[in-house]
Amino acid sequence: MATSRPGGRILAYAGSTRNIAGCALALVGVVLVFLGVAGTFWPVVVAGLYGVGALLAPADRVRLTISHAEVESRRLGADLDALLAKVDGNRFPGDVVTRVGALAEVVRDILRRADTLTTSPDHLHIVSQTIRDYLPSSLEAYANLPRSRALTRRGERERSAHEELLAQLDLLDTRLREVAESVYRGDEQALRDQGRFLRDRFGGSGLDL
């Protein structure tokens, strides 16, 4: 799991071999305090034992491999940029260009969280299909129509091609925002978990979410 964010780095260290070894020796120091061995310098003893444990413990294995989701997110980002380069005012009305741009921002925000997509293959699939199939297929079908025909309704109850495209863009936007919301909930849960970790270590806090 990626740990580039501050909370991720703290959680990674909390579970590291160095921290566990340091805490183990620090507990020995606490026992010495209760036994009356440490004396008035007990804070130095406890901190020193923690430092010794952390320094002597073997370092955690370094992960240099890149997850499938990280690689795929980069490719999807490049594919999205290539698609957006073709969506301009010459081929599409302004409202279509605007909605595609807004949809793309939602997708980009999801792709920035490749670590979350690693554990959510269904979400990765939805994003991938949107970029490589659903969105380009809708746009391509519209772009191949003459502009005058695309804006004309065939009947009172039948949508024009322009209205149909906007409706399809709305459907994609809604589904992607649901994916994004799920990703945000994961971030919020990670923040809550970090809050519980800090409160367990350092006492109560008024920062409960």
Protein backbone atom coordinates (compact mmCIF):
# COMPACT_ATOMS: atom_id res chain seq x y z
CA MET A 1 0.00 0.00 0.00
CA ALA A 2 1.31 3.46 -0.85
CA THR A 3 2.39 5.57 2.12
CA SER A 4 3.27 8.89 0.49
CA ARG A 5 0.70 10.79 2.60
CA PRO A 6 1.69 11.82 6.18
CA GLY A 7 -0.93 9.57 7.78
CA GLY A 8 0.25 6.66 5.67
CA ARG A 9 3.85 7.16 6.75
CA ILE A 10 2.84 7.26 10.43
CA LEU A 11 0.79 4.09 10.10
CA ALA A 12 3.60 2.38 8.22
CA TYR A 13 6.10 3.21 10.98
CA ALA A 14 3.63 2.19 13.70
CA GLY A 15 3.58 -1.31 12.27
CA SER A 16 7.27 -1.47 11.47
CA THR A 17 9.76 -3.85 13.05
CA ARG A 18 11.76 -0.93 14.47
CA ASN A 19 8.75 0.56 16.29
CA ILE A 20 7.62 -2.81 17.65
CA ALA A 21 11.12 -3.59 18.96
CA GLY A 22 11.44 -0.11 20.46
CA CYS A 23 8.06 -0.40 22.19
CA ALA A 24 9.00 -3.83 23.56
CA LEU A 25 12.16 -2.49 25.19
CA ALA A 26 10.31 0.61 26.37
CA LEU A 27 7.88 -1.69 28.20
CA VAL A 28 10.86 -3.27 29.91
CA GLY A 29 11.76 0.23 31.06
CA VAL A 30 8.24 0.74 32.42
CA VAL A 31 8.55 -2.51 34.39
CA LEU A 32 11.85 -1.26 35.81
CA VAL A 33 10.09 1.93 36.89
CA PHE A 34 7.48 -0.04 38.83
CA LEU A 35 10.25 -2.13 40.39
CA GLY A 36 11.97 1.05 41.54
CA VAL A 37 15.11 0.34 39.52
CA ALA A 38 14.98 3.30 37.12
CA GLY A 39 14.82 5.98 39.82
CA THR A 40 14.14 9.62 39.00
CA PHE A 41 15.66 9.26 35.55
CA TRP A 42 12.98 6.80 34.41
CA PRO A 43 11.87 8.95 31.39
CA VAL A 44 15.44 8.84 30.06
CA VAL A 45 15.63 5.10 30.69
CA VAL A 46 12.34 4.38 28.90
CA ALA A 47 13.19 6.63 25.95
CA GLY A 48 16.70 5.22 25.77
CA LEU A 49 15.46 1.63 25.73
CA TYR A 50 13.00 2.52 22.99
CA GLY A 51 15.80 4.07 20.95
CA VAL A 52 18.05 1.03 21.43
CA GLY A 53 15.29 -1.31 20.31
CA ALA A 54 14.47 0.80 17.28
CA LEU A 55 18.12 1.09 16.25
CA LEU A 56 19.02 -2.56 16.71
CA ALA A 57 15.92 -3.98 15.03
CA PRO A 58 16.36 -5.03 11.40
CA ALA A 59 14.91 -2.64 8.88
CA ASP A 60 11.68 -3.60 7.16
CA ARG A 61 11.95 -5.00 3.68
CA VAL A 62 11.86 -2.29 1.02
CA ARG A 63 9.06 -2.57 -1.54
CA LEU A 64 10.18 -1.22 -4.89
CA THR A 65 7.65 -3.05 -7.01
CA ILE A 66 4.77 -1.03 -8.41
CA SER A 67 1.28 -2.45 -8.03
CA HIS A 68 -0.90 -3.30 -10.99
CA ALA A 69 -3.32 -0.53 -10.00
CA GLU A 70 -0.51 2.07 -9.99
CA VAL A 71 0.68 1.04 -13.44
CA GLU A 72 -2.86 0.86 -14.78
CA SER A 73 -3.76 4.25 -13.26
CA ARG A 74 -0.89 5.89 -15.15
CA ARG A 75 -1.97 4.27 -18.40
CA LEU A 76 -5.57 5.27 -17.85
CA GLY A 77 -4.50 8.84 -17.14
CA ALA A 78 -2.62 8.95 -20.44
CA ASP A 79 -5.61 7.46 -22.29
CA LEU A 80 -7.92 10.04 -20.71
CA ASP A 81 -5.65 12.89 -21.79
CA ALA A 82 -5.57 11.52 -25.34
CA LEU A 83 -9.37 11.34 -25.39
CA LEU A 84 -9.82 14.86 -24.03
CA ALA A 85 -7.51 16.24 -26.71
CA LYS A 86 -10.15 15.18 -29.25
CA VAL A 87 -13.08 16.75 -27.40
CA ASP A 88 -13.12 20.36 -28.55
CA GLY A 89 -15.54 23.02 -29.71
CA ASN A 90 -15.10 22.09 -33.36
CA ARG A 91 -16.62 18.64 -32.89
CA PHE A 92 -18.89 19.14 -29.88
CA PRO A 93 -21.15 21.86 -28.43
CA GLY A 94 -19.87 23.84 -25.47
CA ASP A 95 -22.14 22.12 -22.93
CA VAL A 96 -20.79 18.72 -23.98
CA VAL A 97 -17.18 19.90 -23.69
CA THR A 98 -17.92 21.32 -20.23
CA ARG A 99 -19.54 18.13 -18.96
CA VAL A 100 -16.80 15.93 -20.32
CA GLY A 101 -14.25 18.17 -18.58
CA ALA A 102 -16.10 17.92 -15.26
CA LEU A 103 -16.34 14.14 -15.62
CA ALA A 104 -12.62 13.96 -16.38
CA GLU A 105 -11.80 15.81 -13.14
CA VAL A 106 -13.72 13.22 -11.15
CA VAL A 107 -11.83 10.44 -12.95
CA ARG A 108 -8.45 12.11 -12.35
CA ASP A 109 -9.17 12.43 -8.64
CA ILE A 110 -9.97 8.73 -8.46
CA LEU A 111 -6.82 7.81 -10.39
CA ARG A 112 -4.69 9.77 -7.91
CA ARG A 113 -5.68 7.14 -5.33
CA ALA A 114 -4.13 4.12 -6.97
CA ASP A 115 -3.55 2.55 -3.55
CA THR A 116 -7.31 2.45 -2.97
CA LEU A 117 -7.97 1.06 -6.43
CA THR A 118 -5.60 -1.78 -5.61
CA THR A 119 -8.16 -3.09 -3.13
CA SER A 120 -11.18 -2.17 -5.30
CA PRO A 121 -10.94 -4.06 -8.62
CA ASP A 122 -14.60 -3.30 -9.39
CA HIS A 123 -13.92 0.42 -9.14
CA LEU A 124 -10.82 0.12 -11.29
CA HIS A 125 -12.89 -1.75 -13.88
CA ILE A 126 -15.56 0.97 -13.95
CA VAL A 127 -12.96 3.72 -14.39
CA SER A 128 -11.14 1.74 -17.07
CA GLN A 129 -14.30 0.99 -19.05
CA THR A 130 -15.42 4.61 -18.80
CA ILE A 131 -12.17 5.91 -20.26
CA ARG A 132 -11.64 3.22 -22.88
CA ASP A 133 -15.16 2.23 -23.86
CA TYR A 134 -18.24 3.96 -22.46
CA LEU A 135 -17.20 7.59 -22.88
CA PRO A 136 -15.39 7.36 -26.24
CA SER A 137 -18.21 5.22 -27.71
CA SER A 138 -20.84 7.82 -26.78
CA LEU A 139 -18.74 10.71 -28.04
CA GLU A 140 -17.80 8.93 -31.26
CA ALA A 141 -21.41 8.08 -32.13
CA TYR A 142 -22.37 11.73 -31.63
CA ALA A 143 -19.40 13.15 -33.53
CA ASN A 144 -20.25 11.06 -36.60
CA LEU A 145 -23.65 12.78 -36.94
CA PRO A 146 -24.09 16.03 -38.85
CA ARG A 147 -24.44 18.86 -36.35
CA SER A 148 -27.89 19.85 -37.59
CA ARG A 149 -29.21 16.29 -37.23
CA ALA A 150 -27.66 15.88 -33.80
CA LEU A 151 -29.63 18.88 -32.51
CA THR A 152 -32.97 17.91 -34.08
CA ARG A 153 -35.62 15.79 -32.41
CA ARG A 154 -37.24 13.06 -34.51
CA GLY A 155 -40.45 13.25 -32.45
CA GLU A 156 -42.01 15.01 -29.47
CA ARG A 157 -41.13 12.23 -27.03
CA GLU A 158 -37.84 11.28 -28.58
CA ARG A 159 -34.60 12.87 -27.49
CA SER A 160 -32.33 14.57 -29.96
CA ALA A 161 -28.85 13.06 -30.29
CA HIS A 162 -27.55 16.03 -28.34
CA GLU A 163 -29.97 15.41 -25.48
CA GLU A 164 -29.20 11.70 -25.54
CA LEU A 165 -25.46 12.35 -25.28
CA LEU A 166 -25.97 14.70 -22.33
CA ALA A 167 -28.11 12.06 -20.60
CA GLN A 168 -25.39 9.44 -21.11
CA LEU A 169 -22.75 11.82 -19.75
CA ASP A 170 -24.94 12.41 -16.70
CA LEU A 171 -25.21 8.66 -16.10
CA LEU A 172 -21.44 8.24 -16.30
CA ASP A 173 -20.88 11.24 -14.04
CA THR A 174 -23.28 9.86 -11.43
CA ARG A 175 -21.65 6.42 -11.41
CA LEU A 176 -18.13 7.84 -11.21
CA ARG A 177 -19.09 10.15 -8.36
CA GLU A 178 -20.37 7.08 -6.50
CA VAL A 179 -16.96 5.48 -7.02
CA ALA A 180 -15.25 8.67 -5.84
CA GLU A 181 -17.48 8.81 -2.76
CA SER A 182 -16.50 5.26 -1.88
CA VAL A 183 -12.84 6.24 -2.23
CA TYR A 184 -13.33 9.29 0.00
CA ARG A 185 -15.02 7.14 2.64
CA GLY A 186 -11.91 4.98 2.63
CA ASP A 187 -9.75 8.07 3.22
CA GLU A 188 -12.03 9.20 6.05
CA GLN A 189 -11.85 5.76 7.65
CA ALA A 190 -8.06 5.86 7.44
CA LEU A 191 -8.14 9.24 9.23
CA ARG A 192 -10.40 7.82 11.96
CA ASP A 193 -8.11 4.82 12.37
CA GLN A 194 -5.15 7.17 12.70
CA GLY A 195 -7.06 9.20 15.30
CA ARG A 196 -7.75 6.09 17.35
CA PHE A 197 -4.11 5.09 17.12
CA LEU A 198 -2.93 8.50 18.37
CA ARG A 199 -5.50 8.59 21.18
CA ASP A 200 -4.46 5.12 22.31
CA ARG A 201 -0.84 6.27 22.45
CA PHE A 202 -1.15 9.84 23.69
CA GLY A 203 -4.49 10.20 25.47
CA GLY A 204 -7.88 11.71 24.71
CA SER A 205 -8.56 14.25 21.98
CA GLY A 206 -11.40 16.46 20.91
CA LEU A 207 -10.75 15.67 17.24
CA ASP A 208 -13.18 12.74 16.93
CA LEU A 209 -14.78 12.57 13.52
